[in-house]
Amino acid sequence: QVQLVESGGGLVQPGGSLRLSCAASGSIFMFNAMGWYRQAPGKQRELVAILTKTDTTNYADSVKGRFTISRDNAKNTVYLQMNSLKPEDTAVYYCNAKLRPMDSGYWGQGTQVTVSS
């Protein structure tokens, strides 16, 4: 059973930065894609960023130019660097890993990000 553990969330002021980490219990080489999703109160979960096995990335329009997804294969960890944070980025952020493109994938427990002055 694959386990994903997120960390790095917290409270930050508008314009600030945070880096989220998602550590997998096994090698991330086996995943077709890994990504970050977020869910704000009263809203549906949405894709934030995804990184495929072939290093293709895709970002939600709302975070393009501000967020960067990356991975460290040696540490079996995927990161989400978030810069120029806005109050509307406030949400619980979840890590996801898919073995196949159409899978729902494995989910972490989530980490809270709050952007507020």
Protein backbone atom coordinates (compact mmCIF):
# COMPACT_ATOMS: atom_id res chain seq x y z
CA GLN A 1 0.00 0.00 0.00
CA VAL A 2 1.40 3.36 -1.04
CA GLN A 3 1.47 6.10 1.56
CA LEU A 4 1.86 9.78 0.80
CA VAL A 5 2.69 12.24 3.56
CA GLU A 6 2.40 15.97 2.95
CA SER A 7 4.13 18.64 4.98
CA GLY A 8 5.04 22.30 4.76
CA GLY A 9 1.68 23.97 5.10
CA GLY A 10 1.00 26.86 7.43
CA LEU A 11 -0.04 30.46 7.79
CA VAL A 12 1.62 33.00 5.51
CA GLN A 13 0.97 36.61 4.63
CA PRO A 14 -0.14 37.63 1.13
CA GLY A 15 2.88 37.80 -1.15
CA GLY A 16 4.75 35.21 0.87
CA SER A 17 6.05 31.79 -0.07
CA LEU A 18 5.72 28.21 1.12
CA ARG A 19 7.13 24.92 -0.09
CA LEU A 20 4.99 21.82 0.29
CA SER A 21 6.54 18.36 0.34
CA CYS A 22 4.97 15.00 -0.44
CA ALA A 23 7.01 12.01 0.67
CA ALA A 24 6.07 8.62 -0.79
CA SER A 25 6.57 5.35 1.05
CA GLY A 26 8.16 3.79 -2.02
CA SER A 27 9.95 4.73 -5.19
CA ILE A 28 8.19 7.45 -7.14
CA PHE A 29 9.57 5.98 -10.36
CA MET A 30 6.57 3.66 -10.45
CA PHE A 31 4.08 6.50 -10.80
CA ASN A 32 2.83 7.72 -14.15
CA ALA A 33 2.15 11.12 -12.63
CA MET A 34 2.21 12.94 -9.32
CA GLY A 35 0.35 16.09 -8.56
CA TRP A 36 -1.04 18.57 -6.11
CA TYR A 37 -4.72 19.34 -5.66
CA ARG A 38 -6.45 21.73 -3.31
CA GLN A 39 -9.85 22.11 -1.75
CA ALA A 40 -11.10 25.34 -0.28
CA PRO A 41 -14.10 25.44 2.10
CA GLY A 42 -17.35 24.96 0.20
CA LYS A 43 -15.56 24.25 -3.08
CA GLN A 44 -14.68 21.16 -5.07
CA ARG A 45 -11.19 19.74 -5.08
CA GLU A 46 -9.22 21.14 -8.01
CA LEU A 47 -5.98 20.33 -9.75
CA VAL A 48 -3.15 22.72 -8.94
CA ALA A 49 -0.16 21.15 -10.67
CA ILE A 50 0.87 17.83 -12.12
CA LEU A 51 4.22 16.33 -13.07
CA THR A 52 4.37 13.28 -15.31
CA LYS A 53 6.93 10.53 -15.57
CA THR A 54 8.28 12.21 -18.70
CA ASP A 55 8.70 15.54 -16.89
CA THR A 56 5.69 17.17 -18.49
CA THR A 57 4.05 19.71 -16.19
CA ASN A 58 0.60 21.22 -16.17
CA TYR A 59 -0.67 24.00 -13.94
CA ALA A 60 -4.02 25.52 -13.14
CA ASP A 61 -4.32 28.93 -14.79
CA SER A 62 -4.71 30.55 -11.40
CA VAL A 63 -1.22 29.47 -10.27
CA LYS A 64 0.80 29.66 -13.48
CA GLY A 65 3.94 31.71 -13.00
CA ARG A 66 3.66 31.51 -9.21
CA PHE A 67 3.81 27.79 -8.37
CA THR A 68 6.37 25.21 -9.43
CA ILE A 69 6.13 21.45 -9.09
CA SER A 70 9.29 19.37 -8.92
CA ARG A 71 10.58 16.08 -7.61
CA ASP A 72 13.62 14.54 -5.97
CA ASN A 73 13.76 10.91 -7.04
CA ALA A 74 16.44 10.05 -4.50
CA LYS A 75 14.18 11.23 -1.68
CA ASN A 76 10.95 9.86 -3.23
CA THR A 77 9.51 13.32 -2.72
CA VAL A 78 7.51 15.76 -4.80
CA TYR A 79 7.47 19.46 -4.00
CA LEU A 80 5.22 22.41 -4.67
CA GLN A 81 6.98 25.74 -4.42
CA MET A 82 4.37 28.45 -3.96
CA ASN A 83 5.36 32.08 -4.40
CA SER A 84 3.39 35.32 -4.42
CA LEU A 85 0.65 33.67 -2.41
CA LYS A 86 -2.81 35.18 -2.42
CA PRO A 87 -5.72 34.82 0.02
CA GLU A 88 -7.55 32.81 -2.64
CA ASP A 89 -4.80 30.17 -2.44
CA THR A 90 -6.08 29.28 1.03
CA ALA A 91 -7.09 25.61 1.00
CA VAL A 92 -6.15 22.14 2.09
CA TYR A 93 -3.51 20.89 -0.32
CA TYR A 94 -3.41 17.20 -1.21
CA CYS A 95 -0.74 15.14 -2.90
CA ASN A 96 -1.83 12.55 -5.47
CA ALA A 97 0.05 9.77 -7.22
CA LYS A 98 -1.24 7.75 -10.16
CA LEU A 99 0.10 4.47 -11.44
CA ARG A 100 -1.91 4.84 -14.64
CA PRO A 101 -3.33 8.02 -16.22
CA MET A 102 -6.99 7.19 -15.65
CA ASP A 103 -6.57 5.99 -12.06
CA SER A 104 -7.96 7.97 -9.19
CA GLY A 105 -4.61 7.37 -7.57
CA TYR A 106 -3.36 7.49 -4.03
CA TRP A 107 -3.97 10.50 -1.78
CA GLY A 108 -2.18 12.01 1.15
CA GLN A 109 -3.94 13.32 4.23
CA GLY A 110 -3.65 16.96 3.19
CA THR A 111 -1.89 20.00 4.59
CA GLN A 112 -3.55 23.32 5.37
CA VAL A 113 -2.33 26.47 3.68
CA THR A 114 -3.74 29.75 4.94
CA VAL A 115 -2.86 33.05 3.30
CA SER A 116 -3.93 35.94 5.46
CA SER A 117 -2.65 39.18 6.90
